[in-house]
Amino acid sequence: MAGMPSAVASLILAKEYTLDRDPASSRIALSTIGLLLIIPLWLSLFGGDTL
């Protein structure tokens, strides 16, 4: 479990300890969508032409 991303690990822990999984899964989805929006911004600000 140590090699898993923290989002997946938190969802597994929420399931294991019978906690509410909805907030954990919605935060995973929001962070994934946010990352897809932020990556083009990072590339434009910090010079994505070196790729």
PDB file of N, CA and C in Angstrom:
ATOM      1  N   MET A   1       0.817  -1.189   0.000  1.00  0.00           N
ATOM      2  CA  MET A   1       0.000   0.000   0.000  1.00  0.00           C
ATOM      3  C   MET A   1       0.865   1.258   0.000  1.00  0.00           C
ATOM      4  N   ALA A   2       2.110   1.145   0.399  1.00  0.00           N
ATOM      5  CA  ALA A   2       2.983   2.311   0.443  1.00  0.00           C
ATOM      6  C   ALA A   2       3.299   2.843  -0.948  1.00  0.00           C
ATOM      7  N   GLY A   3       3.232   2.008  -1.967  1.00  0.00           N
ATOM      8  CA  GLY A   3       3.536   2.449  -3.317  1.00  0.00           C
ATOM      9  C   GLY A   3       2.363   3.079  -4.041  1.00  0.00           C
ATOM     10  N   MET A   4       1.193   3.064  -3.440  1.00  0.00           N
ATOM     11  CA  MET A   4       0.004   3.617  -4.092  1.00  0.00           C
ATOM     12  C   MET A   4      -0.017   5.130  -3.978  1.00  0.00           C
ATOM     13  N   PRO A   5      -0.647   5.780  -4.931  1.00  0.00           N
ATOM     14  CA  PRO A   5      -0.853   7.230  -4.783  1.00  0.00           C
ATOM     15  C   PRO A   5      -1.691   7.526  -3.533  1.00  0.00           C
ATOM     16  N   SER A   6      -1.482   8.678  -2.963  1.00  0.00           N
ATOM     17  CA  SER A   6      -2.161   8.999  -1.698  1.00  0.00           C
ATOM     18  C   SER A   6      -3.681   9.051  -1.849  1.00  0.00           C
ATOM     19  N   ALA A   7      -4.172   9.433  -3.013  1.00  0.00           N
ATOM     20  CA  ALA A   7      -5.619   9.495  -3.205  1.00  0.00           C
ATOM     21  C   ALA A   7      -6.236   8.108  -3.127  1.00  0.00           C
ATOM     22  N   VAL A   8      -5.608   7.138  -3.757  1.00  0.00           N
ATOM     23  CA  VAL A   8      -6.129   5.775  -3.725  1.00  0.00           C
ATOM     24  C   VAL A   8      -6.016   5.205  -2.317  1.00  0.00           C
ATOM     25  N   ALA A   9      -4.925   5.490  -1.647  1.00  0.00           N
ATOM     26  CA  ALA A   9      -4.736   5.002  -0.286  1.00  0.00           C
ATOM     27  C   ALA A   9      -5.786   5.584   0.657  1.00  0.00           C
ATOM     28  N   SER A  10      -6.125   6.850   0.502  1.00  0.00           N
ATOM     29  CA  SER A  10      -7.137   7.444   1.380  1.00  0.00           C
ATOM     30  C   SER A  10      -8.512   6.846   1.123  1.00  0.00           C
ATOM     31  N   LEU A  11      -8.808   6.526  -0.119  1.00  0.00           N
ATOM     32  CA  LEU A  11     -10.087   5.897  -0.425  1.00  0.00           C
ATOM     33  C   LEU A  11     -10.150   4.490   0.159  1.00  0.00           C
ATOM     34  N   ILE A  12      -9.061   3.760   0.091  1.00  0.00           N
ATOM     35  CA  ILE A  12      -9.018   2.416   0.669  1.00  0.00           C
ATOM     36  C   ILE A  12      -9.161   2.487   2.186  1.00  0.00           C
ATOM     37  N   LEU A  13      -8.492   3.440   2.818  1.00  0.00           N
ATOM     38  CA  LEU A  13      -8.619   3.586   4.267  1.00  0.00           C
ATOM     39  C   LEU A  13     -10.036   3.986   4.670  1.00  0.00           C
ATOM     40  N   ALA A  14     -10.678   4.832   3.894  1.00  0.00           N
ATOM     41  CA  ALA A  14     -12.059   5.209   4.191  1.00  0.00           C
ATOM     42  C   ALA A  14     -12.977   3.992   4.096  1.00  0.00           C
ATOM     43  N   LYS A  15     -12.723   3.135   3.124  1.00  0.00           N
ATOM     44  CA  LYS A  15     -13.529   1.925   2.994  1.00  0.00           C
ATOM     45  C   LYS A  15     -13.227   0.946   4.131  1.00  0.00           C
ATOM     46  N   GLU A  16     -11.970   0.824   4.485  1.00  0.00           N
ATOM     47  CA  GLU A  16     -11.558  -0.125   5.522  1.00  0.00           C
ATOM     48  C   GLU A  16     -12.154   0.224   6.889  1.00  0.00           C
ATOM     49  N   TYR A  17     -12.192   1.502   7.216  1.00  0.00           N
ATOM     50  CA  TYR A  17     -12.690   1.927   8.521  1.00  0.00           C
ATOM     51  C   TYR A  17     -14.142   2.381   8.475  1.00  0.00           C
ATOM     52  N   THR A  18     -14.848   2.005   7.427  1.00  0.00           N
ATOM     53  CA  THR A  18     -16.268   2.308   7.213  1.00  0.00           C
ATOM     54  C   THR A  18     -16.591   3.786   7.431  1.00  0.00           C
ATOM     55  N   LEU A  19     -15.774   4.638   6.832  1.00  0.00           N
ATOM     56  CA  LEU A  19     -16.021   6.078   6.852  1.00  0.00           C
ATOM     57  C   LEU A  19     -16.772   6.462   5.588  1.00  0.00           C
ATOM     58  N   ASP A  20     -17.172   7.698   5.503  1.00  0.00           N
ATOM     59  CA  ASP A  20     -17.892   8.182   4.332  1.00  0.00           C
ATOM     60  C   ASP A  20     -16.930   8.296   3.154  1.00  0.00           C
ATOM     61  N   ARG A  21     -17.176   7.526   2.111  1.00  0.00           N
ATOM     62  CA  ARG A  21     -16.275   7.505   0.955  1.00  0.00           C
ATOM     63  C   ARG A  21     -16.582   8.599  -0.058  1.00  0.00           C
ATOM     64  N   ASP A  22     -17.744   9.209   0.026  1.00  0.00           N
ATOM     65  CA  ASP A  22     -18.115  10.234  -0.952  1.00  0.00           C
ATOM     66  C   ASP A  22     -17.183  11.447  -0.946  1.00  0.00           C
ATOM     67  N   PRO A  23     -16.831  12.018   0.201  1.00  0.00           N
ATOM     68  CA  PRO A  23     -15.896  13.149   0.164  1.00  0.00           C
ATOM     69  C   PRO A  23     -14.524  12.767  -0.386  1.00  0.00           C
ATOM     70  N   ALA A  24     -14.061  11.583  -0.054  1.00  0.00           N
ATOM     71  CA  ALA A  24     -12.748  11.154  -0.544  1.00  0.00           C
ATOM     72  C   ALA A  24     -12.773  10.989  -2.055  1.00  0.00           C
ATOM     73  N   SER A  25     -13.810  10.356  -2.579  1.00  0.00           N
ATOM     74  CA  SER A  25     -13.865  10.147  -4.027  1.00  0.00           C
ATOM     75  C   SER A  25     -14.098  11.450  -4.782  1.00  0.00           C
ATOM     76  N   SER A  26     -14.867  12.375  -4.208  1.00  0.00           N
ATOM     77  CA  SER A  26     -15.073  13.654  -4.895  1.00  0.00           C
ATOM     78  C   SER A  26     -13.800  14.489  -4.899  1.00  0.00           C
ATOM     79  N   ARG A  27     -13.001  14.404  -3.842  1.00  0.00           N
ATOM     80  CA  ARG A  27     -11.725  15.142  -3.825  1.00  0.00           C
ATOM     81  C   ARG A  27     -10.746  14.550  -4.830  1.00  0.00           C
ATOM     82  N   ILE A  28     -10.768  13.260  -5.007  1.00  0.00           N
ATOM     83  CA  ILE A  28      -9.912  12.631  -6.019  1.00  0.00           C
ATOM     84  C   ILE A  28     -10.310  13.125  -7.405  1.00  0.00           C
ATOM     85  N   ALA A  29     -11.603  13.153  -7.684  1.00  0.00           N
ATOM     86  CA  ALA A  29     -12.081  13.610  -8.986  1.00  0.00           C
ATOM     87  C   ALA A  29     -11.752  15.089  -9.214  1.00  0.00           C
ATOM     88  N   LEU A  30     -11.968  15.926  -8.204  1.00  0.00           N
ATOM     89  CA  LEU A  30     -11.678  17.353  -8.349  1.00  0.00           C
ATOM     90  C   LEU A  30     -10.188  17.621  -8.547  1.00  0.00           C
ATOM     91  N   SER A  31      -9.350  16.888  -7.846  1.00  0.00           N
ATOM     92  CA  SER A  31      -7.913  17.105  -8.011  1.00  0.00           C
ATOM     93  C   SER A  31      -7.435  16.638  -9.381  1.00  0.00           C
ATOM     94  N   THR A  32      -8.035  15.571  -9.909  1.00  0.00           N
ATOM     95  CA  THR A  32      -7.665  15.109 -11.244  1.00  0.00           C
ATOM     96  C   THR A  32      -8.080  16.117 -12.306  1.00  0.00           C
ATOM     97  N   ILE A  33      -9.291  16.626 -12.196  1.00  0.00           N
ATOM     98  CA  ILE A  33      -9.766  17.637 -13.153  1.00  0.00           C
ATOM     99  C   ILE A  33      -8.945  18.913 -13.027  1.00  0.00           C
ATOM    100  N   GLY A  34      -8.641  19.303 -11.799  1.00  0.00           N
ATOM    101  CA  GLY A  34      -7.827  20.500 -11.583  1.00  0.00           C
ATOM    102  C   GLY A  34      -6.442  20.363 -12.181  1.00  0.00           C
ATOM    103  N   LEU A  35      -5.864  19.189 -12.060  1.00  0.00           N
ATOM    104  CA  LEU A  35      -4.539  18.968 -12.630  1.00  0.00           C
ATOM    105  C   LEU A  35      -4.563  19.095 -14.149  1.00  0.00           C
ATOM    106  N   LEU A  36      -5.608  18.579 -14.775  1.00  0.00           N
ATOM    107  CA  LEU A  36      -5.721  18.689 -16.228  1.00  0.00           C
ATOM    108  C   LEU A  36      -5.862  20.140 -16.679  1.00  0.00           C
ATOM    109  N   LEU A  37      -6.420  20.975 -15.825  1.00  0.00           N
ATOM    110  CA  LEU A  37      -6.546  22.395 -16.159  1.00  0.00           C
ATOM    111  C   LEU A  37      -5.269  23.173 -15.851  1.00  0.00           C
ATOM    112  N   ILE A  38      -4.520  22.746 -14.861  1.00  0.00           N
ATOM    113  CA  ILE A  38      -3.328  23.475 -14.429  1.00  0.00           C
ATOM    114  C   ILE A  38      -2.105  23.165 -15.294  1.00  0.00           C
ATOM    115  N   ILE A  39      -2.007  21.960 -15.825  1.00  0.00           N
ATOM    116  CA  ILE A  39      -0.826  21.586 -16.610  1.00  0.00           C
ATOM    117  C   ILE A  39      -0.596  22.521 -17.800  1.00  0.00           C
ATOM    118  N   PRO A  40      -1.601  22.852 -18.622  1.00  0.00           N
ATOM    119  CA  PRO A  40      -1.341  23.803 -19.711  1.00  0.00           C
ATOM    120  C   PRO A  40      -0.906  25.182 -19.213  1.00  0.00           C
ATOM    121  N   LEU A  41      -1.444  25.600 -18.073  1.00  0.00           N
ATOM    122  CA  LEU A  41      -1.037  26.879 -17.497  1.00  0.00           C
ATOM    123  C   LEU A  41       0.427  26.844 -17.075  1.00  0.00           C
ATOM    124  N   TRP A  42       0.853  25.770 -16.428  1.00  0.00           N
ATOM    125  CA  TRP A  42       2.259  25.617 -16.045  1.00  0.00           C
ATOM    126  C   TRP A  42       3.169  25.629 -17.268  1.00  0.00           C
ATOM    127  N   LEU A  43       2.759  24.923 -18.291  1.00  0.00           N
ATOM    128  CA  LEU A  43       3.594  24.865 -19.490  1.00  0.00           C
ATOM    129  C   LEU A  43       3.711  26.225 -20.164  1.00  0.00           C
ATOM    130  N   SER A  44       2.634  26.987 -20.159  1.00  0.00           N
ATOM    131  CA  SER A  44       2.709  28.307 -20.790  1.00  0.00           C
ATOM    132  C   SER A  44       3.513  29.289 -19.938  1.00  0.00           C
ATOM    133  N   LEU A  45       3.429  29.163 -18.630  1.00  0.00           N
ATOM    134  CA  LEU A  45       4.172  30.080 -17.757  1.00  0.00           C
ATOM    135  C   LEU A  45       5.656  29.747 -17.651  1.00  0.00           C
ATOM    136  N   PHE A  46       5.970  28.482 -17.585  1.00  0.00           N
ATOM    137  CA  PHE A  46       7.340  28.076 -17.308  1.00  0.00           C
ATOM    138  C   PHE A  46       8.061  27.506 -18.524  1.00  0.00           C
ATOM    139  N   GLY A  47       7.581  27.820 -19.689  1.00  0.00           N
ATOM    140  CA  GLY A  47       8.291  27.453 -20.919  1.00  0.00           C
ATOM    141  C   GLY A  47       8.159  25.996 -21.297  1.00  0.00           C
ATOM    142  N   GLY A  48       7.040  25.628 -21.812  1.00  0.00           N
ATOM    143  CA  GLY A  48       6.816  24.259 -22.232  1.00  0.00           C
ATOM    144  C   GLY A  48       7.482  23.918 -23.548  1.00  0.00           C
ATOM    145  N   ASP A  49       8.200  24.863 -24.155  1.00  0.00           N
ATOM    146  CA  ASP A  49       8.833  24.600 -25.436  1.00  0.00           C
ATOM    147  C   ASP A  49      10.078  23.737 -25.305  1.00  0.00           C
ATOM    148  N   THR A  50      10.523  23.447 -24.090  1.00  0.00           N
ATOM    149  CA  THR A  50      11.718  22.615 -23.895  1.00  0.00           C
ATOM    150  C   THR A  50      11.384  21.133 -23.959  1.00  0.00           C
ATOM    151  N   LEU A  51      10.107  20.795 -24.043  1.00  0.00           N
ATOM    152  CA  LEU A  51       9.723  19.390 -24.103  1.00  0.00           C
ATOM    153  C   LEU A  51      10.027  18.868 -25.441  1.00  0.00           C
TER     154      LEU A  51
END
